[in-house]
Each structure stands twice: as structure tokens, then as C-alpha cells.
Amino acid sequence: MMSFRLPVVVIRKKDGSFKLDDSKSLLYPTIFKLKSKGFINFQWIGWPGIIPKNEDEKARIRLLLAS
């Protein structure tokens, strides 16, 4: 599935670490329900809601999204 936004957003905390928060969309719960029932299979491709400041942040965000 291709979407401008992912079902989660990455938030930069004041201490420089990152956390995930749910994205606000009425579409996502329906899609996850269909996937859990085996009707569809997909991989999300989209923007995590943050622009990394450097390559280190980019790598940390990738790891967070992969977990």
C-alpha cells in the first residue's frame, strides 16, 4: 500500500530520542482489520512525519520503524 503518511508518526523527543505515535486516520483501522483476516497483504510505503537532521537520525528512525 502506498500512502503519503504511514499509520504511525515518528516524534522527536526533547532528549533527542524518538518515539512512535499513532497517525490519525479513519482508514487505517479498516485496513488493519482486513489484513488480520487475511483478505489483503501489503507493505506500507510512506512518509514517517519527520525529516532526519543527519544520517545517524535517519538510521535510528529506520530501526524504530522496523521494530
C-alpha atoms as a PDB file:
ATOM      1  CA  MET A   1       0.000   0.000   0.000  1.00  0.00           C
ATOM      2  CA  MET A   2       1.320   3.403  -0.846  1.00  0.00           C
ATOM      3  CA  SER A   3       0.306   6.327   1.307  1.00  0.00           C
ATOM      4  CA  PHE A   4       1.580   9.823   1.912  1.00  0.00           C
ATOM      5  CA  ARG A   5       1.665   9.034   5.627  1.00  0.00           C
ATOM      6  CA  LEU A   6       2.374   5.845   7.496  1.00  0.00           C
ATOM      7  CA  PRO A   7      -0.074   4.509  10.124  1.00  0.00           C
ATOM      8  CA  VAL A   8       2.420   5.803  12.709  1.00  0.00           C
ATOM      9  CA  VAL A   9       4.360   9.036  13.009  1.00  0.00           C
ATOM     10  CA  VAL A  10       7.848   9.455  14.436  1.00  0.00           C
ATOM     11  CA  ILE A  11       8.114  12.067  17.182  1.00  0.00           C
ATOM     12  CA  ARG A  12      11.456  13.629  18.176  1.00  0.00           C
ATOM     13  CA  LYS A  13      11.546  13.985  21.971  1.00  0.00           C
ATOM     14  CA  LYS A  14      13.365  16.820  23.763  1.00  0.00           C
ATOM     15  CA  ASP A  15      16.213  14.493  24.761  1.00  0.00           C
ATOM     16  CA  GLY A  16      16.889  13.654  21.078  1.00  0.00           C
ATOM     17  CA  SER A  17      15.348  10.192  21.175  1.00  0.00           C
ATOM     18  CA  PHE A  18      12.387   9.171  19.039  1.00  0.00           C
ATOM     19  CA  LYS A  19       9.036   7.576  19.741  1.00  0.00           C
ATOM     20  CA  LEU A  20       6.188   6.282  17.616  1.00  0.00           C
ATOM     21  CA  ASP A  21       2.672   7.627  17.870  1.00  0.00           C
ATOM     22  CA  ASP A  22      -0.481   6.543  16.051  1.00  0.00           C
ATOM     23  CA  SER A  23      -1.314   8.504  12.932  1.00  0.00           C
ATOM     24  CA  LYS A  24      -4.797   9.968  12.926  1.00  0.00           C
ATOM     25  CA  SER A  25      -6.742   8.364  10.096  1.00  0.00           C
ATOM     26  CA  LEU A  26     -10.088   6.620   9.923  1.00  0.00           C
ATOM     27  CA  LEU A  27      -8.809   4.460   7.057  1.00  0.00           C
ATOM     28  CA  TYR A  28      -6.037   2.649   8.960  1.00  0.00           C
ATOM     29  CA  PRO A  29      -8.185   0.583  11.387  1.00  0.00           C
ATOM     30  CA  THR A  30     -10.212  -0.780   8.472  1.00  0.00           C
ATOM     31  CA  ILE A  31      -7.089  -1.730   6.534  1.00  0.00           C
ATOM     32  CA  PHE A  32      -5.552  -3.497   9.546  1.00  0.00           C
ATOM     33  CA  LYS A  33      -8.797  -5.398  10.146  1.00  0.00           C
ATOM     34  CA  LEU A  34      -8.822  -6.625   6.537  1.00  0.00           C
ATOM     35  CA  LYS A  35      -5.166  -7.650   6.804  1.00  0.00           C
ATOM     36  CA  SER A  36      -5.677  -9.530  10.080  1.00  0.00           C
ATOM     37  CA  LYS A  37      -8.487 -11.531   8.452  1.00  0.00           C
ATOM     38  CA  GLY A  38      -6.223 -12.437   5.525  1.00  0.00           C
ATOM     39  CA  PHE A  39      -8.159 -10.509   2.875  1.00  0.00           C
ATOM     40  CA  ILE A  40      -5.207  -8.340   1.876  1.00  0.00           C
ATOM     41  CA  ASN A  41      -1.429  -8.461   2.163  1.00  0.00           C
ATOM     42  CA  PHE A  42       0.616  -5.290   1.933  1.00  0.00           C
ATOM     43  CA  GLN A  43       3.683  -3.356   2.978  1.00  0.00           C
ATOM     44  CA  TRP A  44       3.469   0.317   3.922  1.00  0.00           C
ATOM     45  CA  ILE A  45       5.495   2.831   1.941  1.00  0.00           C
ATOM     46  CA  GLY A  46       5.158   6.422   3.054  1.00  0.00           C
ATOM     47  CA  TRP A  47       6.482   9.389   4.988  1.00  0.00           C
ATOM     48  CA  PRO A  48       7.067   8.922   8.759  1.00  0.00           C
ATOM     49  CA  GLY A  49       6.171  12.553   9.534  1.00  0.00           C
ATOM     50  CA  ILE A  50       9.690  13.747  10.347  1.00  0.00           C
ATOM     51  CA  ILE A  51      12.767  14.902   8.442  1.00  0.00           C
ATOM     52  CA  PRO A  52      16.007  13.467   9.879  1.00  0.00           C
ATOM     53  CA  LYS A  53      18.692  16.057  10.660  1.00  0.00           C
ATOM     54  CA  ASN A  54      21.546  13.739   9.672  1.00  0.00           C
ATOM     55  CA  GLU A  55      22.437  10.170   8.668  1.00  0.00           C
ATOM     56  CA  ASP A  56      22.543   8.997  12.303  1.00  0.00           C
ATOM     57  CA  GLU A  57      18.954  10.127  12.888  1.00  0.00           C
ATOM     58  CA  LYS A  58      17.917   8.526   9.610  1.00  0.00           C
ATOM     59  CA  ALA A  59      19.376   5.178  10.723  1.00  0.00           C
ATOM     60  CA  ARG A  60      17.756   5.411  14.182  1.00  0.00           C
ATOM     61  CA  ILE A  61      14.357   6.191  12.629  1.00  0.00           C
ATOM     62  CA  ARG A  62      14.678   3.228  10.259  1.00  0.00           C
ATOM     63  CA  LEU A  63      15.425   0.914  13.173  1.00  0.00           C
ATOM     64  CA  LEU A  64      12.479   2.264  15.139  1.00  0.00           C
ATOM     65  CA  LEU A  65      10.098   1.760  12.222  1.00  0.00           C
ATOM     66  CA  ALA A  66      11.403  -1.764  11.587  1.00  0.00           C
ATOM     67  CA  SER A  67      10.707  -2.873  15.152  1.00  0.00           C
END
